[in-house]
């Protein structure tokens, strides 16, 4: 067997690679869930609920599905954040951090911060920034 020939370092690297691919796939899957729910695709494919659909196809818990759908609802009127969410570019927990403070006017500002800041820094910024970010700070 090929795995028996791998060194510990090579085995670890392969585990990291596959783990990262799985993480990215799960993020992308989560980004698809709002559209699956909107189209009720899960019903047409024989699943009783969106929760069953997500659990059987990706192993997501019902709680995670509910959070993802809730975040997606908050991002509906924020095109830049929604696009990043659907693409799976970041973990949905980072989107959760900004979803409740972002507005259509501050969409660009928060999308840039989401891309550049780690989650703890993003959380600190959310706590320190006033709700209405002046337009000139978005540029």
N, C-alpha and C. Protein backbone atom coordinates (compact mmCIF):
# COMPACT_ATOMS: atom_id res chain seq x y z
N UNK A 1 0.85 -1.18 0.00
CA UNK A 1 0.00 0.00 0.00
C UNK A 1 0.89 1.24 0.00
N UNK A 2 0.48 2.25 -0.76
CA UNK A 2 1.25 3.48 -0.92
C UNK A 2 1.42 4.23 0.40
N UNK A 3 0.39 4.24 1.24
CA UNK A 3 0.46 4.97 2.50
C UNK A 3 1.55 4.44 3.43
N UNK A 4 1.82 3.15 3.36
CA UNK A 4 2.86 2.57 4.20
C UNK A 4 4.25 3.09 3.84
N UNK A 5 4.42 3.53 2.60
CA UNK A 5 5.71 4.04 2.14
C UNK A 5 5.93 5.51 2.46
N UNK A 6 4.89 6.21 2.88
CA UNK A 6 5.02 7.63 3.18
C UNK A 6 5.74 7.85 4.51
N UNK A 7 6.58 8.87 4.54
CA UNK A 7 7.19 9.26 5.81
C UNK A 7 6.13 9.97 6.65
N UNK A 8 6.42 10.17 7.92
CA UNK A 8 5.49 10.89 8.78
C UNK A 8 5.22 12.29 8.23
N UNK A 9 6.24 12.94 7.77
CA UNK A 9 6.11 14.29 7.23
C UNK A 9 5.22 14.29 5.98
N UNK A 10 5.42 13.35 5.10
CA UNK A 10 4.61 13.27 3.88
C UNK A 10 3.15 12.94 4.21
N UNK A 11 2.95 12.05 5.16
CA UNK A 11 1.59 11.70 5.58
C UNK A 11 0.89 12.92 6.18
N UNK A 12 1.62 13.66 7.02
CA UNK A 12 1.06 14.86 7.63
C UNK A 12 0.70 15.89 6.56
N UNK A 13 1.56 16.09 5.59
CA UNK A 13 1.28 17.05 4.51
C UNK A 13 0.04 16.64 3.71
N UNK A 14 -0.10 15.37 3.46
CA UNK A 14 -1.27 14.89 2.73
C UNK A 14 -2.54 15.11 3.56
N UNK A 15 -2.47 14.87 4.86
CA UNK A 15 -3.61 15.12 5.75
C UNK A 15 -3.99 16.60 5.73
N UNK A 16 -3.00 17.48 5.80
CA UNK A 16 -3.26 18.92 5.75
C UNK A 16 -3.92 19.30 4.44
N UNK A 17 -3.42 18.76 3.35
CA UNK A 17 -3.95 19.08 2.03
C UNK A 17 -5.41 18.65 1.91
N UNK A 18 -5.70 17.42 2.28
CA UNK A 18 -7.07 16.92 2.18
C UNK A 18 -8.00 17.65 3.15
N UNK A 19 -7.50 17.96 4.34
CA UNK A 19 -8.29 18.70 5.31
C UNK A 19 -8.67 20.08 4.79
N UNK A 20 -7.71 20.77 4.15
CA UNK A 20 -7.98 22.09 3.59
C UNK A 20 -8.99 22.00 2.46
N UNK A 21 -8.87 20.98 1.62
CA UNK A 21 -9.83 20.80 0.54
C UNK A 21 -11.24 20.55 1.08
N UNK A 22 -11.33 19.76 2.15
CA UNK A 22 -12.63 19.48 2.77
C UNK A 22 -13.23 20.76 3.36
N UNK A 23 -12.39 21.56 4.00
CA UNK A 23 -12.85 22.81 4.59
C UNK A 23 -13.39 23.75 3.50
N UNK A 24 -12.65 23.90 2.43
CA UNK A 24 -13.08 24.76 1.33
C UNK A 24 -14.38 24.25 0.70
N UNK A 25 -14.48 22.95 0.54
CA UNK A 25 -15.70 22.37 -0.04
C UNK A 25 -16.91 22.63 0.86
N UNK A 26 -16.72 22.52 2.17
CA UNK A 26 -17.83 22.75 3.10
C UNK A 26 -18.26 24.22 3.07
N UNK A 27 -17.31 25.14 2.96
CA UNK A 27 -17.65 26.57 2.86
C UNK A 27 -18.46 26.84 1.59
N UNK A 28 -18.02 26.26 0.48
CA UNK A 28 -18.73 26.45 -0.78
C UNK A 28 -20.12 25.83 -0.72
N UNK A 29 -20.22 24.67 -0.09
CA UNK A 29 -21.52 24.02 0.07
C UNK A 29 -22.45 24.92 0.89
N UNK A 30 -21.94 25.48 1.97
CA UNK A 30 -22.76 26.36 2.81
C UNK A 30 -23.26 27.56 2.01
N UNK A 31 -22.43 28.07 1.11
CA UNK A 31 -22.84 29.19 0.28
C UNK A 31 -23.97 28.85 -0.68
N UNK A 32 -24.13 27.57 -1.00
CA UNK A 32 -25.20 27.14 -1.90
C UNK A 32 -26.54 26.95 -1.20
N UNK A 33 -26.51 26.75 0.10
CA UNK A 33 -27.73 26.42 0.84
C UNK A 33 -28.87 27.43 0.70
N UNK A 34 -28.61 28.74 0.72
CA UNK A 34 -29.74 29.66 0.56
C UNK A 34 -30.47 29.47 -0.77
N UNK A 35 -29.75 29.22 -1.84
CA UNK A 35 -30.39 29.01 -3.14
C UNK A 35 -31.11 27.66 -3.17
N UNK A 36 -30.53 26.65 -2.55
CA UNK A 36 -31.19 25.33 -2.46
C UNK A 36 -32.51 25.48 -1.73
N UNK A 37 -32.50 26.26 -0.66
CA UNK A 37 -33.74 26.48 0.10
C UNK A 37 -34.75 27.29 -0.72
N UNK A 38 -34.29 28.35 -1.38
CA UNK A 38 -35.18 29.18 -2.18
C UNK A 38 -35.88 28.36 -3.27
N UNK A 39 -35.13 27.50 -3.93
CA UNK A 39 -35.70 26.66 -5.01
C UNK A 39 -36.41 25.42 -4.48
N UNK A 40 -36.26 25.15 -3.21
CA UNK A 40 -36.75 23.92 -2.59
C UNK A 40 -36.22 22.69 -3.31
N UNK A 41 -34.98 22.77 -3.70
CA UNK A 41 -34.31 21.68 -4.40
C UNK A 41 -34.26 20.42 -3.53
N UNK A 42 -34.09 20.61 -2.24
CA UNK A 42 -34.01 19.45 -1.34
C UNK A 42 -35.28 18.60 -1.43
N UNK A 43 -36.44 19.22 -1.58
CA UNK A 43 -37.71 18.47 -1.69
C UNK A 43 -37.75 17.67 -2.99
N UNK A 44 -37.34 18.34 -4.07
CA UNK A 44 -37.38 17.68 -5.37
C UNK A 44 -36.38 16.54 -5.47
N UNK A 45 -35.40 16.53 -4.60
CA UNK A 45 -34.42 15.45 -4.59
C UNK A 45 -34.73 14.40 -3.53
N UNK A 46 -35.89 14.49 -2.91
CA UNK A 46 -36.35 13.45 -2.00
C UNK A 46 -35.95 13.62 -0.55
N UNK A 47 -35.50 14.80 -0.16
CA UNK A 47 -35.14 15.04 1.24
C UNK A 47 -36.32 15.70 1.94
N UNK A 48 -36.51 15.37 3.19
CA UNK A 48 -37.63 15.90 3.95
C UNK A 48 -37.43 17.36 4.33
N UNK A 49 -36.17 17.77 4.48
CA UNK A 49 -35.90 19.15 4.89
C UNK A 49 -34.52 19.57 4.39
N UNK A 50 -34.28 20.87 4.48
CA UNK A 50 -32.96 21.40 4.14
C UNK A 50 -31.91 20.85 5.10
N UNK A 51 -32.33 20.58 6.33
CA UNK A 51 -31.41 20.04 7.34
C UNK A 51 -30.96 18.62 6.96
N UNK A 52 -31.90 17.82 6.53
CA UNK A 52 -31.56 16.45 6.10
C UNK A 52 -30.65 16.51 4.87
N UNK A 53 -30.98 17.37 3.93
CA UNK A 53 -30.18 17.57 2.71
C UNK A 53 -28.72 17.88 3.08
N UNK A 54 -28.53 18.88 3.94
CA UNK A 54 -27.18 19.30 4.32
C UNK A 54 -26.46 18.23 5.13
N UNK A 55 -27.18 17.55 6.00
CA UNK A 55 -26.55 16.52 6.82
C UNK A 55 -26.07 15.35 5.97
N UNK A 56 -26.89 14.91 5.03
CA UNK A 56 -26.53 13.74 4.23
C UNK A 56 -25.49 14.06 3.17
N UNK A 57 -25.51 15.28 2.63
CA UNK A 57 -24.55 15.61 1.57
C UNK A 57 -23.22 16.15 2.08
N UNK A 58 -23.25 16.82 3.25
CA UNK A 58 -21.98 17.39 3.71
C UNK A 58 -21.69 17.19 5.18
N UNK A 59 -22.60 16.56 5.90
CA UNK A 59 -22.37 16.33 7.32
C UNK A 59 -22.61 17.54 8.19
N UNK A 60 -23.30 18.55 7.68
CA UNK A 60 -23.57 19.75 8.47
C UNK A 60 -24.68 19.48 9.48
N UNK A 61 -24.54 20.06 10.65
CA UNK A 61 -25.58 19.93 11.68
C UNK A 61 -26.73 20.88 11.36
N UNK A 62 -27.88 20.58 11.93
CA UNK A 62 -29.05 21.43 11.74
C UNK A 62 -28.79 22.84 12.27
N UNK A 63 -28.07 22.93 13.36
CA UNK A 63 -27.73 24.23 13.94
C UNK A 63 -26.87 25.05 12.97
N UNK A 64 -25.90 24.42 12.35
CA UNK A 64 -25.05 25.11 11.37
C UNK A 64 -25.85 25.57 10.17
N UNK A 65 -26.75 24.72 9.70
CA UNK A 65 -27.59 25.09 8.56
C UNK A 65 -28.44 26.31 8.91
N UNK A 66 -29.03 26.31 10.10
CA UNK A 66 -29.85 27.45 10.52
C UNK A 66 -29.03 28.73 10.59
N UNK A 67 -27.82 28.64 11.11
CA UNK A 67 -26.95 29.82 11.19
C UNK A 67 -26.59 30.33 9.81
N UNK A 68 -26.24 29.42 8.92
CA UNK A 68 -25.88 29.81 7.55
C UNK A 68 -27.05 30.50 6.87
N UNK A 69 -28.25 29.95 7.01
CA UNK A 69 -29.43 30.55 6.38
C UNK A 69 -29.76 31.91 6.99
N UNK A 70 -29.56 32.03 8.29
CA UNK A 70 -29.81 33.30 8.97
C UNK A 70 -28.83 34.37 8.48
N UNK A 71 -27.57 34.02 8.37
CA UNK A 71 -26.55 34.95 7.86
C UNK A 71 -26.88 35.34 6.43
N UNK A 72 -27.26 34.36 5.62
CA UNK A 72 -27.59 34.63 4.22
C UNK A 72 -28.75 35.62 4.11
N UNK A 73 -29.75 35.49 4.96
CA UNK A 73 -30.86 36.44 4.95
C UNK A 73 -30.38 37.86 5.26
N UNK A 74 -29.44 37.97 6.19
CA UNK A 74 -28.91 39.28 6.56
C UNK A 74 -28.07 39.91 5.43
N UNK A 75 -27.55 39.08 4.55
CA UNK A 75 -26.68 39.57 3.48
C UNK A 75 -27.40 39.78 2.15
N UNK A 76 -28.69 39.53 2.10
CA UNK A 76 -29.44 39.60 0.83
C UNK A 76 -29.30 40.94 0.13
N UNK A 77 -29.28 42.04 0.87
CA UNK A 77 -29.21 43.37 0.26
C UNK A 77 -27.79 43.95 0.26
N UNK A 78 -26.80 43.08 0.46
CA UNK A 78 -25.40 43.50 0.48
C UNK A 78 -24.63 42.67 -0.56
N UNK A 79 -24.60 43.12 -1.81
CA UNK A 79 -24.09 42.29 -2.91
C UNK A 79 -22.64 41.82 -2.77
N UNK A 80 -21.75 42.66 -2.28
CA UNK A 80 -20.35 42.24 -2.17
C UNK A 80 -20.16 41.17 -1.10
N UNK A 81 -20.79 41.37 0.03
CA UNK A 81 -20.70 40.36 1.10
C UNK A 81 -21.39 39.07 0.68
N UNK A 82 -22.56 39.20 0.05
CA UNK A 82 -23.30 38.01 -0.40
C UNK A 82 -22.48 37.21 -1.42
N UNK A 83 -21.83 37.90 -2.34
CA UNK A 83 -21.02 37.22 -3.34
C UNK A 83 -19.87 36.43 -2.70
N UNK A 84 -19.22 37.04 -1.72
CA UNK A 84 -18.13 36.35 -1.02
C UNK A 84 -18.66 35.16 -0.21
N UNK A 85 -19.82 35.35 0.39
CA UNK A 85 -20.44 34.28 1.18
C UNK A 85 -20.77 33.09 0.29
N UNK A 86 -21.39 33.34 -0.85
CA UNK A 86 -21.78 32.26 -1.76
C UNK A 86 -20.57 31.56 -2.36
N UNK A 87 -19.48 32.29 -2.54
CA UNK A 87 -18.27 31.70 -3.12
C UNK A 87 -17.49 30.87 -2.10
N UNK A 88 -17.81 31.04 -0.82
CA UNK A 88 -17.08 30.31 0.22
C UNK A 88 -15.69 30.84 0.45
N UNK A 89 -15.48 32.12 0.18
CA UNK A 89 -14.14 32.69 0.30
C UNK A 89 -13.65 32.79 1.74
N UNK A 90 -14.58 32.85 2.67
CA UNK A 90 -14.24 32.93 4.10
C UNK A 90 -15.17 32.01 4.87
N UNK A 91 -14.79 31.72 6.09
CA UNK A 91 -15.65 30.90 6.95
C UNK A 91 -16.91 31.69 7.27
N UNK A 92 -18.04 30.99 7.38
CA UNK A 92 -19.29 31.69 7.63
C UNK A 92 -19.30 32.37 8.99
N UNK A 93 -18.44 31.93 9.91
CA UNK A 93 -18.38 32.60 11.22
C UNK A 93 -17.85 34.02 11.09
N UNK A 94 -17.00 34.29 10.09
CA UNK A 94 -16.54 35.66 9.86
C UNK A 94 -17.68 36.51 9.31
N UNK A 95 -18.49 35.94 8.46
CA UNK A 95 -19.64 36.68 7.93
C UNK A 95 -20.63 36.99 9.05
N UNK A 96 -20.78 36.06 9.96
CA UNK A 96 -21.69 36.26 11.09
C UNK A 96 -21.27 37.49 11.89
N UNK A 97 -19.96 37.70 11.99
CA UNK A 97 -19.43 38.83 12.74
C UNK A 97 -19.90 40.17 12.18
N UNK A 98 -19.97 40.28 10.86
CA UNK A 98 -20.33 41.57 10.24
C UNK A 98 -21.77 41.63 9.74
N UNK A 99 -22.45 40.53 9.65
CA UNK A 99 -23.79 40.50 9.03
C UNK A 99 -24.79 41.40 9.72
N UNK A 100 -24.67 41.57 11.01
CA UNK A 100 -25.66 42.34 11.75
C UNK A 100 -25.34 43.83 11.84
N UNK A 101 -24.13 44.20 11.48
CA UNK A 101 -23.75 45.61 11.53
C UNK A 101 -23.66 46.21 10.13
N UNK A 102 -23.43 45.40 9.13
CA UNK A 102 -23.30 45.89 7.76
C UNK A 102 -24.63 46.38 7.22
N UNK A 103 -24.54 47.41 6.40
CA UNK A 103 -25.71 47.96 5.71
C UNK A 103 -25.38 47.98 4.22
N UNK A 104 -26.37 48.19 3.36
CA UNK A 104 -26.05 48.30 1.93
C UNK A 104 -25.01 49.39 1.65
N UNK A 105 -25.04 50.46 2.44
CA UNK A 105 -24.09 51.55 2.25
C UNK A 105 -22.68 51.19 2.71
N UNK A 106 -22.56 50.30 3.68
CA UNK A 106 -21.24 49.93 4.21
C UNK A 106 -20.76 48.58 3.69
N UNK A 107 -21.46 48.05 2.72
CA UNK A 107 -21.14 46.73 2.15
C UNK A 107 -19.68 46.64 1.70
N UNK A 108 -19.22 47.62 0.96
CA UNK A 108 -17.85 47.60 0.43
C UNK A 108 -16.83 47.65 1.56
N UNK A 109 -17.05 48.49 2.54
CA UNK A 109 -16.15 48.62 3.69
C UNK A 109 -15.99 47.27 4.39
N UNK A 110 -17.12 46.63 4.71
CA UNK A 110 -17.07 45.38 5.45
C UNK A 110 -16.53 44.23 4.60
N UNK A 111 -16.79 44.25 3.30
CA UNK A 111 -16.24 43.22 2.42
C UNK A 111 -14.71 43.29 2.40
N UNK A 112 -14.18 44.51 2.36
CA UNK A 112 -12.72 44.67 2.38
C UNK A 112 -12.14 44.22 3.72
N UNK A 113 -12.79 44.60 4.80
CA UNK A 113 -12.31 44.21 6.14
C UNK A 113 -12.38 42.69 6.31
N UNK A 114 -13.41 42.09 5.78
CA UNK A 114 -13.58 40.65 5.87
C UNK A 114 -12.41 39.93 5.19
N UNK A 115 -11.97 40.48 4.05
CA UNK A 115 -10.87 39.88 3.30
C UNK A 115 -9.52 40.09 3.96
N UNK A 116 -9.34 41.17 4.70
CA UNK A 116 -8.01 41.52 5.19
C UNK A 116 -7.77 41.23 6.66
N UNK A 117 -8.82 41.17 7.46
CA UNK A 117 -8.63 41.01 8.90
C UNK A 117 -8.95 39.59 9.37
N UNK A 118 -8.19 39.11 10.36
CA UNK A 118 -8.57 37.84 10.99
C UNK A 118 -9.82 38.06 11.85
N UNK A 119 -10.50 36.99 12.18
CA UNK A 119 -11.77 37.11 12.89
C UNK A 119 -11.67 37.88 14.21
N UNK A 120 -10.66 37.63 15.07
CA UNK A 120 -10.60 38.42 16.32
C UNK A 120 -10.47 39.93 16.08
N UNK A 121 -9.69 40.31 15.09
CA UNK A 121 -9.55 41.73 14.77
C UNK A 121 -10.86 42.28 14.20
N UNK A 122 -11.53 41.48 13.41
CA UNK A 122 -12.81 41.87 12.83
C UNK A 122 -13.84 42.08 13.94
N UNK A 123 -13.85 41.18 14.92
CA UNK A 123 -14.78 41.31 16.05
C UNK A 123 -14.50 42.58 16.84
N UNK A 124 -13.22 42.88 17.06
CA UNK A 124 -12.86 44.11 17.78
C UNK A 124 -13.29 45.34 17.00
N UNK A 125 -13.11 45.32 15.69
CA UNK A 125 -13.52 46.45 14.86
C UNK A 125 -15.03 46.64 14.90
N UNK A 126 -15.78 45.55 14.83
CA UNK A 126 -17.24 45.64 14.87
C UNK A 126 -17.69 46.30 16.17
N UNK A 127 -17.02 45.98 17.27
CA UNK A 127 -17.39 46.56 18.56
C UNK A 127 -17.02 48.04 18.65
N UNK A 128 -15.99 48.46 17.93
CA UNK A 128 -15.51 49.83 18.07
C UNK A 128 -16.04 50.80 17.02
N UNK A 129 -16.60 50.30 15.93
CA UNK A 129 -17.06 51.15 14.84
C UNK A 129 -18.50 51.56 15.07
N UNK A 130 -18.81 52.84 14.83
CA UNK A 130 -20.22 53.25 14.94
C UNK A 130 -21.05 52.58 13.85
N UNK A 131 -22.32 52.46 14.07
CA UNK A 131 -23.21 51.76 13.13
C UNK A 131 -23.15 52.37 11.74
N UNK A 132 -23.12 53.68 11.63
CA UNK A 132 -23.11 54.35 10.33
C UNK A 132 -21.70 54.80 9.99
N UNK A 133 -21.05 54.08 9.12
CA UNK A 133 -19.70 54.43 8.70
C UNK A 133 -19.82 55.52 7.64
N UNK A 134 -19.14 56.65 7.83
CA UNK A 134 -19.22 57.71 6.84
C UNK A 134 -18.79 57.22 5.46
N UNK A 135 -19.43 57.75 4.44
CA UNK A 135 -19.14 57.35 3.04
C UNK A 135 -17.67 57.50 2.71
N UNK A 136 -17.00 58.57 3.20
CA UNK A 136 -15.60 58.79 2.81
C UNK A 136 -14.66 57.74 3.35
N UNK A 137 -15.06 56.98 4.37
CA UNK A 137 -14.21 55.92 4.89
C UNK A 137 -14.31 54.64 4.06
N UNK A 138 -15.30 54.55 3.20
CA UNK A 138 -15.48 53.35 2.39
C UNK A 138 -14.51 53.31 1.22
N UNK A 139 -14.00 54.42 0.80
CA UNK A 139 -13.12 54.47 -0.39
C UNK A 139 -11.80 53.84 -0.13
